[in-house]
Amino acid sequence: MFQTSETFPRSATPCTILIQSIDIAHRRLTMDAELSAINSRGHTSLVTIHGFRVQSYGDRISRGFRKGLKRLAERGFNDPTCVVVKTPSGNRSGITHAGGRYLHSENTYTAEVMQEMRAQGMEPPSPPFLVAPGEFILYHEWGHHVDRTWSGDDQDVGFSFRWFSRFYQLCVPVSRVSHAGRGFSTDFVDARPIESELDAADGIVPWQHASSELFANLFEDWMRGDKMVDWDECEPESLTRSVPSGYPSARIALLPDVGVETVRAETYRLFTSGIRRPVDLPPVRPGLFGDYTDEIVSRLHTVIAMARAKQR
């Protein structure tokens, strides 16, 4: 009989012991395959784990990381089209200081990361792929992949951009207050509705970023079974804080009669469908950008490029 160092309960039947022994042997063979794939620089070739294609950079894939992959697969989110690159944590990754990153062909950061990976002796996979050091960041970055997957052919007006427009509204500040060394931040005491095309353009980049991050944050929370922070990412103040400094800012507020509990519950309900988009691509709520919503949405790519150019 197959010998293992594992112990089994006395009540276990020979059939049970055989099945468990085979399972143990399979796990060991998988780990041995990973170890044999590690080259002299500590990188592994692609291995398949729970339906994911995984490439390890540095240390062997940890038990916690495997648990994260298994949990994603159990909830129907395994997708071999997006490679998972497992890295050491923090600045030890040698790839990105950000800890985690979702990289696709339209991400301006992708080329830089791929170049750094090659400099470290690791051939990067073709986009899309994500970089994650641990289980929780894996959930967050995979949330970005789900958002992009659900967006389908319309990557300019993504799923999260559309979905969260049903819960929130945008306003613009009456004045901006300068803070030395931190660019411009916005005084939201006096905010007004969007009244011009310029107002709408000033709100487009903050909304795109905030809605994308909220989607990934909620996906991470849903996978973890708990909020990752003490505050609620669905609160308007949290969305506003997520906007990168240096961009035109807008105030994000909940629509009347909408609470953060509604945002979280309805978004969680979407996630139960797995990687396949659960609903038709939702429309952008009329009025999100005032009277200019239809025009803004129809030429979003150009508007975003113009808004970013103003910050250079």
Protein backbone atom coordinates (compact mmCIF):
# COMPACT_ATOMS: atom_id res chain seq x y z
CA MET A 1 0.00 0.00 0.00
CA PHE A 2 1.08 3.60 -0.60
CA GLN A 3 3.04 4.80 2.42
CA THR A 4 2.69 8.31 3.87
CA SER A 5 3.80 10.00 7.07
CA GLU A 6 0.25 11.23 7.65
CA THR A 7 -1.82 9.75 10.47
CA PHE A 8 -5.46 8.83 10.06
CA PRO A 9 -8.19 8.31 12.66
CA ARG A 10 -8.66 4.72 13.82
CA SER A 11 -12.22 4.78 12.50
CA ALA A 12 -11.02 5.44 8.96
CA THR A 13 -11.79 2.68 6.49
CA PRO A 14 -9.15 1.33 4.08
CA CYS A 15 -11.02 3.05 1.24
CA THR A 16 -10.96 6.39 3.06
CA ILE A 17 -7.26 6.03 3.82
CA LEU A 18 -6.51 5.22 0.18
CA ILE A 19 -8.44 8.25 -1.08
CA GLN A 20 -6.76 10.57 1.42
CA SER A 21 -3.34 9.11 0.60
CA ILE A 22 -3.88 9.77 -3.10
CA ASP A 23 -4.91 13.34 -2.29
CA ILE A 24 -1.77 13.85 -0.19
CA ALA A 25 0.40 12.42 -2.95
CA HIS A 26 -1.23 14.73 -5.48
CA ARG A 27 -0.55 17.78 -3.32
CA ARG A 28 3.07 16.76 -2.89
CA LEU A 29 3.52 16.18 -6.60
CA THR A 30 2.10 19.64 -7.26
CA MET A 31 4.52 21.24 -4.82
CA ASP A 32 7.41 19.24 -6.27
CA ALA A 33 6.47 20.42 -9.76
CA GLU A 34 6.55 24.01 -8.58
CA LEU A 35 9.91 23.55 -6.90
CA SER A 36 11.41 21.94 -9.98
CA ALA A 37 10.16 24.84 -12.08
CA ILE A 38 12.07 27.37 -9.98
CA ASN A 39 15.12 28.57 -11.86
CA SER A 40 18.34 29.96 -10.44
CA ARG A 41 16.81 33.41 -10.02
CA GLY A 42 13.85 32.22 -7.96
CA HIS A 43 11.16 32.39 -10.64
CA THR A 44 8.78 29.67 -11.70
CA SER A 45 7.21 28.80 -14.98
CA LEU A 46 3.43 28.81 -15.25
CA VAL A 47 1.57 26.27 -13.14
CA THR A 48 -2.15 25.67 -12.95
CA ILE A 49 -3.76 25.92 -9.51
CA HIS A 50 -7.53 25.60 -9.07
CA GLY A 51 -8.06 26.62 -12.69
CA PHE A 52 -5.77 29.68 -12.50
CA ARG A 53 -2.51 30.08 -14.38
CA VAL A 54 0.02 31.16 -11.76
CA GLN A 55 3.61 32.34 -12.01
CA SER A 56 5.59 32.68 -8.79
CA TYR A 57 8.25 35.34 -8.37
CA GLY A 58 10.54 34.55 -5.46
CA ASP A 59 9.15 32.39 -2.68
CA ARG A 60 7.10 29.27 -3.22
CA ILE A 61 3.36 29.86 -3.42
CA SER A 62 2.10 30.05 0.16
CA ARG A 63 -0.77 28.14 1.68
CA GLY A 64 -2.72 31.38 2.19
CA PHE A 65 -2.33 32.33 -1.44
CA ARG A 66 -3.51 28.88 -2.50
CA LYS A 67 -6.51 29.31 -0.23
CA GLY A 68 -7.33 32.56 -2.00
CA LEU A 69 -7.18 30.92 -5.41
CA LYS A 70 -9.33 28.05 -4.20
CA ARG A 71 -11.90 30.42 -2.72
CA LEU A 72 -12.11 32.38 -5.98
CA ALA A 73 -12.56 29.14 -7.92
CA GLU A 74 -15.25 27.88 -5.56
CA ARG A 75 -17.20 31.07 -6.19
CA GLY A 76 -16.90 30.70 -9.95
CA PHE A 77 -14.22 33.29 -10.65
CA ASN A 78 -11.38 31.18 -12.05
CA ASP A 79 -10.32 32.49 -15.45
CA PRO A 80 -7.20 31.16 -17.22
CA THR A 81 -7.09 34.16 -19.57
CA CYS A 82 -5.59 36.32 -16.79
CA VAL A 83 -2.28 35.11 -15.33
CA VAL A 84 -1.68 35.58 -11.60
CA VAL A 85 1.89 36.62 -10.75
CA LYS A 86 2.65 35.85 -7.09
CA THR A 87 5.34 38.11 -5.61
CA PRO A 88 6.93 38.67 -2.19
CA SER A 89 5.27 41.44 -0.20
CA GLY A 90 6.08 45.15 -0.23
CA ASN A 91 9.14 46.55 -1.93
CA ARG A 92 10.73 43.08 -1.92
CA SER A 93 8.68 42.15 -4.97
CA GLY A 94 11.24 43.66 -7.31
CA ILE A 95 8.41 44.41 -9.74
CA THR A 96 6.13 47.10 -8.37
CA HIS A 97 6.19 49.20 -5.24
CA ALA A 98 2.40 49.23 -5.21
CA GLY A 99 2.15 45.73 -3.75
CA GLY A 100 -0.51 44.67 -6.21
CA ARG A 101 -1.49 45.75 -9.69
CA TYR A 102 -3.89 44.68 -12.42
CA LEU A 103 -2.24 45.12 -15.79
CA HIS A 104 -3.90 45.10 -19.18
CA SER A 105 -3.01 46.32 -22.65
CA GLU A 106 -4.51 49.79 -22.15
CA ASN A 107 -2.87 50.43 -18.79
CA THR A 108 0.00 52.90 -19.21
CA TYR A 109 1.84 51.23 -16.32
CA THR A 110 1.87 47.80 -17.97
CA ALA A 111 4.91 48.37 -20.21
CA GLU A 112 6.96 49.64 -17.25
CA VAL A 113 6.14 46.60 -15.12
CA MET A 114 6.89 44.18 -17.97
CA GLN A 115 10.23 45.87 -18.56
CA GLU A 116 11.11 45.58 -14.87
CA MET A 117 10.15 41.90 -14.85
CA ARG A 118 12.47 41.23 -17.78
CA ALA A 119 15.25 43.12 -16.01
CA GLN A 120 14.79 40.73 -13.08
CA GLY A 121 15.11 37.73 -15.40
CA MET A 122 11.41 36.89 -15.48
CA GLU A 123 9.56 36.78 -18.78
CA PRO A 124 6.20 38.48 -18.14
CA PRO A 125 2.99 36.88 -19.34
CA SER A 126 0.92 38.59 -21.99
CA PRO A 127 -1.65 41.04 -20.60
CA PRO A 128 -3.97 40.83 -18.88
CA PHE A 129 -2.20 39.67 -15.75
CA LEU A 130 -2.09 40.76 -12.15
CA VAL A 131 0.63 41.10 -9.56
CA ALA A 132 -0.26 40.18 -5.98
CA PRO A 133 1.84 39.26 -2.92
CA GLY A 134 -0.94 37.83 -0.78
CA GLU A 135 -4.48 36.55 -0.55
CA PHE A 136 -6.30 39.82 0.16
CA ILE A 137 -4.52 41.83 -2.54
CA LEU A 138 -5.25 38.93 -4.89
CA TYR A 139 -8.96 39.46 -4.21
CA HIS A 140 -8.70 43.21 -4.81
CA GLU A 141 -6.80 42.96 -8.08
CA TRP A 142 -9.01 40.13 -9.30
CA GLY A 143 -11.93 42.47 -8.64
CA HIS A 144 -10.44 44.84 -11.22
CA HIS A 145 -10.24 41.93 -13.65
CA VAL A 146 -13.90 41.08 -13.04
CA ASP A 147 -14.84 44.72 -13.66
CA ARG A 148 -12.96 44.77 -16.95
CA THR A 149 -14.34 41.37 -17.98
CA TRP A 150 -17.89 42.44 -17.28
CA SER A 151 -17.31 45.63 -19.29
CA GLY A 152 -17.09 43.54 -22.45
CA ASP A 153 -16.39 45.47 -25.63
CA ASP A 154 -16.95 48.88 -24.03
CA GLN A 155 -13.78 49.40 -22.02
CA ASP A 156 -14.06 53.20 -22.14
CA VAL A 157 -17.32 53.18 -20.19
CA GLY A 158 -16.68 50.29 -17.84
CA PHE A 159 -19.10 48.19 -15.84
CA SER A 160 -18.31 49.87 -12.50
CA PHE A 161 -18.57 53.32 -14.12
CA ARG A 162 -22.10 52.44 -15.22
CA TRP A 163 -23.20 50.35 -12.24
CA PHE A 164 -22.46 52.83 -9.45
CA SER A 165 -24.02 55.74 -11.34
CA ARG A 166 -27.40 54.43 -10.14
CA PHE A 167 -26.40 55.15 -6.54
CA TYR A 168 -24.35 58.35 -6.66
CA GLN A 169 -24.41 61.90 -8.02
CA LEU A 170 -21.62 64.33 -8.86
CA CYS A 171 -21.24 67.96 -7.83
CA VAL A 172 -18.40 70.41 -8.37
CA PRO A 173 -16.77 72.80 -5.88
CA VAL A 174 -17.46 76.49 -5.94
CA SER A 175 -13.82 77.16 -5.04
CA ARG A 176 -10.57 75.26 -4.72
CA VAL A 177 -8.13 75.68 -1.86
CA SER A 178 -4.40 75.25 -2.46
CA HIS A 179 -2.28 73.32 0.03
CA ALA A 180 1.48 73.63 -0.30
CA GLY A 181 3.09 70.45 -1.50
CA ARG A 182 -0.21 68.71 -2.10
CA GLY A 183 -1.56 70.45 -5.16
CA PHE A 184 -5.21 71.38 -5.02
CA SER A 185 -7.81 69.85 -2.79
CA THR A 186 -11.44 70.76 -2.80
CA ASP A 187 -13.53 72.58 -0.23
CA PHE A 188 -16.86 70.78 -0.40
CA VAL A 189 -18.73 73.14 1.91
CA ASP A 190 -19.99 75.03 -1.13
CA ALA A 191 -20.70 72.56 -3.90
CA ARG A 192 -23.11 72.95 -6.78
CA PRO A 193 -24.56 70.70 -9.47
CA ILE A 194 -22.77 70.24 -12.77
CA GLU A 195 -23.74 73.19 -14.94
CA SER A 196 -21.35 73.17 -17.87
CA GLU A 197 -19.35 70.88 -20.11
CA LEU A 198 -16.22 71.98 -18.23
CA ASP A 199 -17.81 70.92 -14.95
CA ALA A 200 -18.63 67.54 -16.47
CA ALA A 201 -15.09 67.08 -17.78
CA ASP A 202 -13.68 67.92 -14.34
CA GLY A 203 -15.72 65.13 -12.81
CA ILE A 204 -15.02 62.37 -15.31
CA VAL A 205 -11.58 61.19 -14.14
CA PRO A 206 -12.44 61.21 -10.42
CA TRP A 207 -15.62 59.26 -11.10
CA GLN A 208 -13.91 56.69 -13.29
CA HIS A 209 -11.21 56.07 -10.69
CA ALA A 210 -13.54 56.10 -7.67
CA SER A 211 -16.06 53.72 -9.22
CA SER A 212 -13.33 51.29 -10.30
CA GLU A 213 -11.72 51.24 -6.84
CA LEU A 214 -15.09 50.85 -5.12
CA PHE A 215 -15.85 47.81 -7.27
CA ALA A 216 -12.51 46.18 -6.38
CA ASN A 217 -12.86 47.09 -2.70
CA LEU A 218 -16.32 45.58 -2.47
CA PHE A 219 -15.18 42.46 -4.32
CA GLU A 220 -12.35 42.06 -1.81
CA ASP A 221 -14.75 42.57 1.10
CA TRP A 222 -17.17 40.03 -0.35
CA MET A 223 -14.42 37.45 -0.82
CA ARG A 224 -13.09 38.04 2.70
CA GLY A 225 -16.55 37.97 4.24
CA ASP A 226 -15.91 41.26 6.02
CA LYS A 227 -14.99 44.89 5.37
CA MET A 228 -11.24 45.34 5.00
CA VAL A 229 -11.27 48.65 6.93
CA ASP A 230 -13.20 50.18 9.83
CA TRP A 231 -14.91 52.75 7.64
CA ASP A 232 -17.28 52.00 4.77
CA GLU A 233 -15.82 52.41 1.28
CA CYS A 234 -19.34 53.14 0.00
CA GLU A 235 -19.47 56.41 1.95
CA PRO A 236 -19.10 59.43 -0.37
CA GLU A 237 -16.14 60.74 1.65
CA SER A 238 -14.29 57.47 1.11
CA LEU A 239 -14.88 57.62 -2.63
CA THR A 240 -13.57 61.16 -2.78
CA ARG A 241 -10.43 60.22 -0.83
CA SER A 242 -9.66 57.47 -3.33
CA VAL A 243 -9.17 59.97 -6.16
CA PRO A 244 -5.45 60.50 -6.96
CA SER A 245 -4.06 63.90 -6.03
CA GLY A 246 -3.45 66.25 -8.90
CA TYR A 247 -6.64 65.49 -10.80
CA PRO A 248 -9.64 67.78 -11.07
CA SER A 249 -11.91 66.88 -8.24
CA ALA A 250 -15.64 66.56 -7.83
CA ARG A 251 -17.87 65.89 -4.90
CA ILE A 252 -19.46 62.45 -4.90
CA ALA A 253 -22.72 62.15 -2.99
CA LEU A 254 -25.35 59.45 -2.59
CA LEU A 255 -28.58 60.00 -4.42
CA PRO A 256 -31.61 60.80 -2.25
CA ASP A 257 -33.10 57.73 -0.57
CA VAL A 258 -29.96 55.64 -1.27
CA GLY A 259 -27.89 54.31 1.62
CA VAL A 260 -24.50 52.66 1.74
CA GLU A 261 -26.18 49.40 2.79
CA THR A 262 -28.08 49.37 -0.51
CA VAL A 263 -24.91 49.95 -2.54
CA ARG A 264 -23.10 47.11 -0.79
CA ALA A 265 -25.99 44.62 -0.81
CA GLU A 266 -26.90 45.09 -4.48
CA THR A 267 -23.26 44.88 -5.57
CA TYR A 268 -22.69 41.74 -3.51
CA ARG A 269 -25.71 40.22 -5.23
CA LEU A 270 -23.97 40.70 -8.58
CA PHE A 271 -20.90 38.80 -7.42
CA THR A 272 -22.86 35.62 -6.75
CA SER A 273 -23.00 34.95 -10.50
CA GLY A 274 -19.26 34.29 -10.88
CA ILE A 275 -17.01 35.53 -13.67
CA ARG A 276 -19.81 35.65 -16.23
CA ARG A 277 -21.55 39.02 -16.29
CA PRO A 278 -24.81 38.68 -14.34
CA VAL A 279 -26.81 41.39 -16.12
CA ASP A 280 -26.81 43.30 -19.38
CA LEU A 281 -24.32 46.15 -19.41
CA PRO A 282 -26.17 48.75 -17.33
CA PRO A 283 -26.72 52.22 -18.75
CA VAL A 284 -25.07 55.29 -17.27
CA ARG A 285 -27.70 57.06 -15.21
CA PRO A 286 -29.07 60.08 -17.10
CA GLY A 287 -27.94 63.19 -15.28
CA LEU A 288 -24.73 61.79 -13.79
CA PHE A 289 -22.89 64.56 -15.62
CA GLY A 290 -25.84 66.93 -15.74
CA ASP A 291 -27.28 67.81 -19.13
CA TYR A 292 -23.99 66.73 -20.72
CA THR A 293 -24.17 63.06 -19.73
CA ASP A 294 -24.98 61.64 -23.18
CA GLU A 295 -22.32 63.76 -24.86
CA ILE A 296 -19.68 62.92 -22.25
CA VAL A 297 -20.35 59.19 -22.44
CA SER A 298 -20.30 59.15 -26.25
CA ARG A 299 -16.80 60.59 -26.36
CA LEU A 300 -15.43 59.47 -23.02
CA HIS A 301 -12.00 58.41 -24.28
CA THR A 302 -11.33 61.90 -25.68
CA VAL A 303 -12.67 63.63 -22.59
CA ILE A 304 -10.44 61.57 -20.27
CA ALA A 305 -7.37 62.30 -22.39
CA MET A 306 -8.16 66.03 -22.27
CA ALA A 307 -8.73 65.99 -18.51
CA ARG A 308 -5.42 64.22 -17.89
CA ALA A 309 -3.56 66.52 -20.26
CA LYS A 310 -4.61 69.49 -18.11
CA GLN A 311 -2.68 67.99 -15.19
CA ARG A 312 0.64 67.70 -16.99
